[in-house]
Amino acid sequence: MKFSIESVNISEKKGIQKRPVGKIELQEGFGIVGDAHAGKWHRQVSFLSGEAIDYMRKKSNGFKINNGDFGENIVTRGIDWKTVRVGDRIKINDVEMEITQIGKKCHSGCAILDAVGECIMPKQGIFARVLKGGTISDKDIGYYNI
């Protein structure tokens, strides 16, 4: 299944919103260079669909929601992340990743949860580890279950 990349985001600290950077470098077994969640663990990269973010924007009653605000590294278009399973594979350019977790507990003090009453990362956030490194930009195309 083919999908597009809308935004790539990083943050230097955990527990804060990420900011769009246009291009990211991923290292095998480590994650995104310069991102606080990089390391030798199973949640090196996070994904969220742009469609899910659109839903939250409509629900927010004017609360401004930007790409990266949920702590997601990669915002996609054209893939229903609710259909993926742990162990499935993703390929974007030379980068290959394996899905390791679906959803996560929302951290305390989540600004979106407080303002809107709902956060989508607990059910729709997807996490992966990097099997093969490379670069990804916000204009790239990805493939699911390669």
N, C-alpha and C. Protein backbone atom coordinates (compact mmCIF):
# COMPACT_ATOMS: atom_id res chain seq x y z
N MET A 1 0.85 -1.18 0.00
CA MET A 1 0.00 0.00 0.00
C MET A 1 0.89 1.24 0.00
N LYS A 2 0.59 2.15 -0.86
CA LYS A 2 1.35 3.39 -1.03
C LYS A 2 0.71 4.50 -0.19
N PHE A 3 1.54 5.35 0.41
CA PHE A 3 1.05 6.50 1.17
C PHE A 3 2.05 7.65 1.03
N SER A 4 1.62 8.86 1.39
CA SER A 4 2.51 10.02 1.28
C SER A 4 2.88 10.54 2.66
N ILE A 5 4.02 11.23 2.69
CA ILE A 5 4.50 11.86 3.92
C ILE A 5 4.13 13.34 3.87
N GLU A 6 3.45 13.81 4.90
CA GLU A 6 3.01 15.21 4.96
C GLU A 6 3.96 16.06 5.79
N SER A 7 4.51 15.48 6.85
CA SER A 7 5.34 16.24 7.77
C SER A 7 6.30 15.30 8.49
N VAL A 8 7.53 15.77 8.73
CA VAL A 8 8.49 15.05 9.57
C VAL A 8 8.88 15.99 10.70
N ASN A 9 8.89 15.45 11.95
CA ASN A 9 8.97 16.31 13.13
C ASN A 9 9.92 15.72 14.17
N ILE A 10 10.59 16.60 14.90
CA ILE A 10 11.47 16.16 15.98
C ILE A 10 11.31 17.08 17.20
N SER A 11 11.76 16.59 18.33
CA SER A 11 11.90 17.41 19.54
C SER A 11 13.15 16.94 20.26
N GLU A 12 13.82 17.86 20.91
CA GLU A 12 15.05 17.53 21.63
C GLU A 12 14.78 16.99 23.03
N LYS A 13 13.53 17.17 23.53
CA LYS A 13 13.16 16.70 24.86
C LYS A 13 11.91 15.82 24.74
N LYS A 14 11.79 14.85 25.64
CA LYS A 14 10.59 14.02 25.70
C LYS A 14 9.47 14.78 26.38
N GLY A 15 8.22 14.43 26.04
CA GLY A 15 7.05 15.01 26.70
C GLY A 15 6.62 16.36 26.18
N ILE A 16 7.22 16.82 25.09
CA ILE A 16 6.80 18.10 24.49
C ILE A 16 6.41 17.87 23.03
N GLN A 17 5.75 18.87 22.46
CA GLN A 17 5.37 18.78 21.06
C GLN A 17 6.61 18.78 20.19
N LYS A 18 6.49 18.15 19.04
CA LYS A 18 7.59 18.14 18.07
C LYS A 18 7.37 19.26 17.07
N ARG A 19 8.44 19.65 16.38
CA ARG A 19 8.35 20.72 15.38
C ARG A 19 8.72 20.17 14.01
N PRO A 20 8.02 20.62 12.97
CA PRO A 20 8.34 20.19 11.61
C PRO A 20 9.75 20.65 11.21
N VAL A 21 10.50 19.75 10.57
CA VAL A 21 11.87 20.07 10.16
C VAL A 21 12.12 19.85 8.67
N GLY A 22 11.17 19.30 7.93
CA GLY A 22 11.33 19.14 6.49
C GLY A 22 12.05 17.88 6.06
N LYS A 23 13.09 17.48 6.83
CA LYS A 23 13.88 16.30 6.47
C LYS A 23 14.48 15.71 7.74
N ILE A 24 14.47 14.36 7.83
CA ILE A 24 15.06 13.69 8.98
C ILE A 24 16.02 12.61 8.51
N GLU A 25 17.02 12.33 9.36
CA GLU A 25 17.95 11.24 9.11
C GLU A 25 17.69 10.15 10.14
N LEU A 26 17.54 8.92 9.67
CA LEU A 26 17.29 7.79 10.55
C LEU A 26 18.48 6.85 10.54
N GLN A 27 18.85 6.37 11.73
CA GLN A 27 19.96 5.43 11.86
C GLN A 27 19.43 4.07 12.28
N GLU A 28 19.95 3.04 11.65
CA GLU A 28 19.57 1.66 11.95
C GLU A 28 19.74 1.37 13.44
N GLY A 29 18.69 0.81 14.05
CA GLY A 29 18.75 0.41 15.45
C GLY A 29 18.76 1.56 16.44
N PHE A 30 18.59 2.79 15.97
CA PHE A 30 18.67 3.96 16.84
C PHE A 30 17.48 4.89 16.71
N GLY A 31 17.06 5.21 15.49
CA GLY A 31 15.95 6.13 15.29
C GLY A 31 16.36 7.39 14.58
N ILE A 32 15.70 8.48 14.90
CA ILE A 32 15.89 9.76 14.21
C ILE A 32 16.99 10.57 14.90
N VAL A 33 17.98 10.94 14.12
CA VAL A 33 19.09 11.75 14.64
C VAL A 33 18.53 13.09 15.14
N GLY A 34 18.83 13.43 16.39
CA GLY A 34 18.39 14.70 16.97
C GLY A 34 17.05 14.65 17.67
N ASP A 35 16.38 13.49 17.66
CA ASP A 35 15.08 13.39 18.33
C ASP A 35 15.25 12.74 19.70
N ALA A 36 14.51 13.24 20.67
CA ALA A 36 14.63 12.76 22.05
C ALA A 36 14.25 11.29 22.22
N HIS A 37 13.44 10.75 21.33
CA HIS A 37 13.00 9.37 21.47
C HIS A 37 13.93 8.36 20.79
N ALA A 38 14.98 8.84 20.17
CA ALA A 38 15.95 7.93 19.55
C ALA A 38 16.66 7.15 20.63
N GLY A 39 17.05 5.94 20.30
CA GLY A 39 17.77 5.09 21.25
C GLY A 39 17.54 3.63 20.95
N LYS A 40 18.15 2.81 21.72
CA LYS A 40 18.05 1.37 21.50
C LYS A 40 16.84 0.83 22.25
N TRP A 41 15.65 1.10 21.70
CA TRP A 41 14.41 0.61 22.26
C TRP A 41 13.39 0.43 21.15
N HIS A 42 12.17 0.06 21.48
CA HIS A 42 11.19 -0.32 20.45
C HIS A 42 10.37 0.85 19.89
N ARG A 43 10.43 2.04 20.49
CA ARG A 43 9.64 3.18 20.01
C ARG A 43 10.55 4.27 19.47
N GLN A 44 11.32 3.95 18.45
CA GLN A 44 12.29 4.89 17.88
C GLN A 44 11.62 5.93 16.99
N VAL A 45 10.53 5.57 16.32
CA VAL A 45 9.85 6.47 15.38
C VAL A 45 8.34 6.33 15.61
N SER A 46 7.64 7.47 15.59
CA SER A 46 6.18 7.44 15.75
C SER A 46 5.49 8.00 14.50
N PHE A 47 4.34 7.40 14.20
CA PHE A 47 3.53 7.78 13.04
C PHE A 47 2.13 8.15 13.49
N LEU A 48 1.51 9.07 12.74
CA LEU A 48 0.11 9.43 12.94
C LEU A 48 -0.42 9.89 11.59
N SER A 49 -1.66 9.57 11.30
CA SER A 49 -2.22 9.97 10.01
C SER A 49 -2.68 11.43 10.04
N GLY A 50 -2.50 12.11 8.92
CA GLY A 50 -3.00 13.47 8.77
C GLY A 50 -4.52 13.51 8.87
N GLU A 51 -5.17 12.42 8.44
CA GLU A 51 -6.62 12.35 8.53
C GLU A 51 -7.09 12.36 9.99
N ALA A 52 -6.35 11.67 10.87
CA ALA A 52 -6.69 11.66 12.30
C ALA A 52 -6.47 13.06 12.90
N ILE A 53 -5.41 13.73 12.46
CA ILE A 53 -5.15 15.09 12.95
C ILE A 53 -6.25 16.04 12.46
N ASP A 54 -6.70 15.87 11.21
CA ASP A 54 -7.82 16.67 10.69
C ASP A 54 -9.07 16.50 11.55
N TYR A 55 -9.35 15.26 11.95
CA TYR A 55 -10.50 14.96 12.82
C TYR A 55 -10.39 15.76 14.12
N MET A 56 -9.20 15.76 14.71
CA MET A 56 -9.01 16.49 15.96
C MET A 56 -9.12 18.00 15.76
N ARG A 57 -8.66 18.49 14.62
CA ARG A 57 -8.80 19.93 14.34
C ARG A 57 -10.27 20.33 14.29
N LYS A 58 -11.10 19.50 13.65
CA LYS A 58 -12.54 19.78 13.56
C LYS A 58 -13.20 19.72 14.93
N LYS A 59 -12.76 18.79 15.74
CA LYS A 59 -13.33 18.60 17.07
C LYS A 59 -12.88 19.65 18.08
N SER A 60 -11.82 20.35 17.79
CA SER A 60 -11.16 21.20 18.78
C SER A 60 -11.83 22.54 19.08
N ASN A 61 -12.84 22.93 18.32
CA ASN A 61 -13.52 24.21 18.54
C ASN A 61 -12.57 25.39 18.56
N GLY A 62 -11.65 25.42 17.60
CA GLY A 62 -10.75 26.55 17.48
C GLY A 62 -9.40 26.40 18.14
N PHE A 63 -9.20 25.36 18.95
CA PHE A 63 -7.89 25.11 19.55
C PHE A 63 -6.94 24.75 18.42
N LYS A 64 -5.85 25.48 18.30
CA LYS A 64 -4.93 25.28 17.17
C LYS A 64 -4.11 24.01 17.36
N ILE A 65 -4.18 23.12 16.35
CA ILE A 65 -3.43 21.87 16.38
C ILE A 65 -2.54 21.82 15.14
N ASN A 66 -1.24 21.67 15.37
CA ASN A 66 -0.26 21.61 14.29
C ASN A 66 0.32 20.21 14.18
N ASN A 67 0.90 19.89 13.02
CA ASN A 67 1.63 18.64 12.88
C ASN A 67 2.76 18.64 13.91
N GLY A 68 2.91 17.52 14.61
CA GLY A 68 3.91 17.39 15.65
C GLY A 68 3.36 17.60 17.05
N ASP A 69 2.17 18.17 17.17
CA ASP A 69 1.61 18.49 18.49
C ASP A 69 1.28 17.25 19.32
N PHE A 70 1.07 16.10 18.68
CA PHE A 70 0.79 14.87 19.41
C PHE A 70 2.08 14.11 19.74
N GLY A 71 3.21 14.68 19.36
CA GLY A 71 4.50 14.03 19.60
C GLY A 71 4.89 13.06 18.51
N GLU A 72 4.20 13.12 17.38
CA GLU A 72 4.47 12.20 16.27
C GLU A 72 5.64 12.68 15.42
N ASN A 73 6.47 11.73 14.99
CA ASN A 73 7.59 12.05 14.12
C ASN A 73 7.18 12.20 12.66
N ILE A 74 6.28 11.33 12.20
CA ILE A 74 5.93 11.32 10.78
C ILE A 74 4.42 11.36 10.64
N VAL A 75 3.93 12.37 9.90
CA VAL A 75 2.51 12.50 9.58
C VAL A 75 2.33 12.00 8.16
N THR A 76 1.35 11.10 7.98
CA THR A 76 1.12 10.47 6.68
C THR A 76 -0.26 10.83 6.13
N ARG A 77 -0.43 10.55 4.84
CA ARG A 77 -1.73 10.66 4.17
C ARG A 77 -1.93 9.40 3.33
N GLY A 78 -3.13 8.86 3.38
CA GLY A 78 -3.47 7.76 2.49
C GLY A 78 -3.28 6.37 3.05
N ILE A 79 -3.02 6.25 4.35
CA ILE A 79 -2.93 4.93 4.97
C ILE A 79 -3.77 4.93 6.24
N ASP A 80 -4.55 3.88 6.43
CA ASP A 80 -5.36 3.73 7.62
C ASP A 80 -4.54 2.95 8.64
N TRP A 81 -3.91 3.65 9.56
CA TRP A 81 -3.03 3.01 10.54
C TRP A 81 -3.78 2.05 11.45
N LYS A 82 -5.12 2.13 11.49
CA LYS A 82 -5.89 1.21 12.33
C LYS A 82 -5.86 -0.22 11.79
N THR A 83 -5.39 -0.40 10.56
CA THR A 83 -5.37 -1.74 9.96
C THR A 83 -4.02 -2.44 10.09
N VAL A 84 -3.01 -1.77 10.61
CA VAL A 84 -1.67 -2.37 10.68
C VAL A 84 -1.53 -3.25 11.91
N ARG A 85 -0.53 -4.09 11.88
CA ARG A 85 -0.25 -5.01 12.99
C ARG A 85 1.22 -4.92 13.39
N VAL A 86 1.51 -5.24 14.63
CA VAL A 86 2.89 -5.33 15.09
C VAL A 86 3.61 -6.37 14.22
N GLY A 87 4.81 -6.01 13.77
CA GLY A 87 5.59 -6.87 12.90
C GLY A 87 5.51 -6.49 11.43
N ASP A 88 4.50 -5.70 11.05
CA ASP A 88 4.39 -5.23 9.66
C ASP A 88 5.56 -4.32 9.33
N ARG A 89 5.84 -4.17 8.05
CA ARG A 89 7.00 -3.39 7.60
C ARG A 89 6.58 -2.14 6.83
N ILE A 90 7.44 -1.12 6.93
CA ILE A 90 7.26 0.16 6.24
C ILE A 90 8.56 0.47 5.52
N LYS A 91 8.43 0.98 4.29
CA LYS A 91 9.62 1.41 3.55
C LYS A 91 9.37 2.81 3.00
N ILE A 92 10.30 3.71 3.26
CA ILE A 92 10.25 5.07 2.74
C ILE A 92 11.65 5.37 2.24
N ASN A 93 11.79 5.56 0.93
CA ASN A 93 13.11 5.69 0.30
C ASN A 93 13.93 4.44 0.65
N ASP A 94 15.13 4.62 1.20
CA ASP A 94 15.96 3.49 1.61
C ASP A 94 15.64 3.02 3.02
N VAL A 95 14.87 3.80 3.76
CA VAL A 95 14.58 3.50 5.15
C VAL A 95 13.58 2.35 5.26
N GLU A 96 13.91 1.38 6.11
CA GLU A 96 12.99 0.28 6.40
C GLU A 96 12.75 0.24 7.89
N MET A 97 11.47 0.07 8.27
CA MET A 97 11.08 0.04 9.67
C MET A 97 10.12 -1.10 9.92
N GLU A 98 10.06 -1.53 11.18
CA GLU A 98 9.13 -2.57 11.61
C GLU A 98 8.23 -1.99 12.70
N ILE A 99 6.92 -2.19 12.56
CA ILE A 99 5.98 -1.71 13.57
C ILE A 99 6.15 -2.55 14.84
N THR A 100 6.32 -1.86 15.96
CA THR A 100 6.58 -2.52 17.23
C THR A 100 5.49 -2.31 18.28
N GLN A 101 4.67 -1.25 18.10
CA GLN A 101 3.64 -0.95 19.09
C GLN A 101 2.54 -0.14 18.44
N ILE A 102 1.30 -0.38 18.88
CA ILE A 102 0.15 0.39 18.42
C ILE A 102 -0.46 1.06 19.63
N GLY A 103 -0.47 2.39 19.61
CA GLY A 103 -1.02 3.16 20.71
C GLY A 103 -0.06 3.27 21.88
N LYS A 104 -0.37 4.22 22.76
CA LYS A 104 0.41 4.40 23.98
C LYS A 104 -0.41 5.23 24.96
N LYS A 105 -0.06 5.15 26.21
CA LYS A 105 -0.74 5.94 27.22
C LYS A 105 -0.39 7.41 27.02
N CYS A 106 -1.39 8.27 27.11
CA CYS A 106 -1.17 9.71 26.98
C CYS A 106 -0.45 10.20 28.24
N HIS A 107 0.58 11.02 28.06
CA HIS A 107 1.31 11.51 29.22
C HIS A 107 0.49 12.53 29.99
N SER A 108 0.76 12.68 31.26
CA SER A 108 0.03 13.64 32.08
C SER A 108 0.37 15.06 31.64
N GLY A 109 -0.62 15.92 31.66
CA GLY A 109 -0.41 17.29 31.24
C GLY A 109 -0.49 17.47 29.74
N CYS A 110 -1.09 16.53 29.04
CA CYS A 110 -1.24 16.63 27.58
C CYS A 110 -2.15 17.83 27.26
N ALA A 111 -1.60 18.83 26.58
CA ALA A 111 -2.35 20.06 26.30
C ALA A 111 -3.57 19.79 25.43
N ILE A 112 -3.46 18.87 24.49
CA ILE A 112 -4.58 18.58 23.60
C ILE A 112 -5.68 17.86 24.37
N LEU A 113 -5.33 16.87 25.17
CA LEU A 113 -6.32 16.17 25.99
C LEU A 113 -7.05 17.16 26.90
N ASP A 114 -6.30 18.06 27.52
CA ASP A 114 -6.91 19.05 28.42
C ASP A 114 -7.84 19.99 27.66
N ALA A 115 -7.45 20.43 26.45
CA ALA A 115 -8.24 21.41 25.70
C ALA A 115 -9.41 20.80 24.95
N VAL A 116 -9.22 19.60 24.40
CA VAL A 116 -10.22 19.01 23.51
C VAL A 116 -10.99 17.88 24.18
N GLY A 117 -10.41 17.25 25.20
CA GLY A 117 -11.07 16.16 25.88
C GLY A 117 -10.76 14.79 25.30
N GLU A 118 -9.90 14.76 24.29
CA GLU A 118 -9.54 13.50 23.63
C GLU A 118 -8.15 13.64 23.04
N CYS A 119 -7.39 12.57 23.07
CA CYS A 119 -6.09 12.51 22.39
C CYS A 119 -6.09 11.26 21.53
N ILE A 120 -5.56 11.34 20.31
CA ILE A 120 -5.61 10.21 19.40
C ILE A 120 -4.40 9.29 19.47
N MET A 121 -3.31 9.73 20.10
CA MET A 121 -2.12 8.87 20.17
C MET A 121 -2.38 7.55 20.91
N PRO A 122 -3.17 7.51 21.99
CA PRO A 122 -3.37 6.24 22.67
C PRO A 122 -3.97 5.14 21.79
N LYS A 123 -4.78 5.49 20.81
CA LYS A 123 -5.40 4.48 19.95
C LYS A 123 -4.82 4.46 18.53
N GLN A 124 -4.37 5.60 18.03
CA GLN A 124 -3.97 5.67 16.63
C GLN A 124 -2.50 5.93 16.39
N GLY A 125 -1.73 6.16 17.42
CA GLY A 125 -0.29 6.33 17.26
C GLY A 125 0.37 4.99 16.94
N ILE A 126 1.29 5.00 16.01
CA ILE A 126 2.01 3.79 15.59
C ILE A 126 3.49 4.01 15.87
N PHE A 127 4.16 2.99 16.40
CA PHE A 127 5.57 3.09 16.74
C PHE A 127 6.36 2.03 16.00
N ALA A 128 7.60 2.39 15.65
CA ALA A 128 8.43 1.47 14.87
C ALA A 128 9.88 1.58 15.28
N ARG A 129 10.64 0.56 14.92
CA ARG A 129 12.09 0.59 15.07
C ARG A 129 12.70 0.60 13.68
N VAL A 130 13.87 1.20 13.57
CA VAL A 130 14.54 1.36 12.28
C VAL A 130 15.40 0.13 11.99
N LEU A 131 15.10 -0.54 10.88
CA LEU A 131 15.86 -1.70 10.44
C LEU A 131 16.98 -1.32 9.49
N LYS A 132 16.73 -0.28 8.69
CA LYS A 132 17.72 0.23 7.74
C LYS A 132 17.58 1.74 7.68
N GLY A 133 18.69 2.46 7.85
CA GLY A 133 18.67 3.91 7.92
C GLY A 133 18.63 4.61 6.57
N GLY A 134 18.53 5.92 6.62
CA GLY A 134 18.47 6.78 5.44
C GLY A 134 17.79 8.09 5.79
N THR A 135 17.33 8.81 4.78
CA THR A 135 16.67 10.09 5.01
C THR A 135 15.23 10.05 4.49
N ILE A 136 14.39 10.84 5.14
CA ILE A 136 12.98 10.99 4.77
C ILE A 136 12.65 12.47 4.79
N SER A 137 11.92 12.93 3.78
CA SER A 137 11.47 14.33 3.76
C SER A 137 9.95 14.37 3.76
N ASP A 138 9.42 15.58 3.94
CA ASP A 138 7.97 15.77 3.99
C ASP A 138 7.30 15.72 2.62
N LYS A 139 8.03 15.30 1.60
CA LYS A 139 7.44 15.19 0.26
C LYS A 139 7.59 13.77 -0.30
N ASP A 140 8.03 12.83 0.54
CA ASP A 140 8.31 11.47 0.09
C ASP A 140 7.06 10.59 0.06
N ILE A 141 7.23 9.45 -0.59
CA ILE A 141 6.19 8.42 -0.68
C ILE A 141 6.68 7.20 0.10
N GLY A 142 5.77 6.57 0.82
CA GLY A 142 6.12 5.38 1.57
C GLY A 142 5.28 4.20 1.14
N TYR A 143 5.72 3.03 1.57
CA TYR A 143 5.02 1.78 1.24
C TYR A 143 4.86 0.96 2.50
N TYR A 144 3.67 0.42 2.68
CA TYR A 144 3.34 -0.37 3.85
C TYR A 144 3.31 -1.85 3.49
N ASN A 145 3.83 -2.67 4.38
CA ASN A 145 3.90 -4.12 4.23
C ASN A 145 4.68 -4.54 2.98
N ILE A 146 5.92 -4.08 2.95
CA ILE A 146 6.81 -4.38 1.83
C ILE A 146 7.24 -5.84 1.83
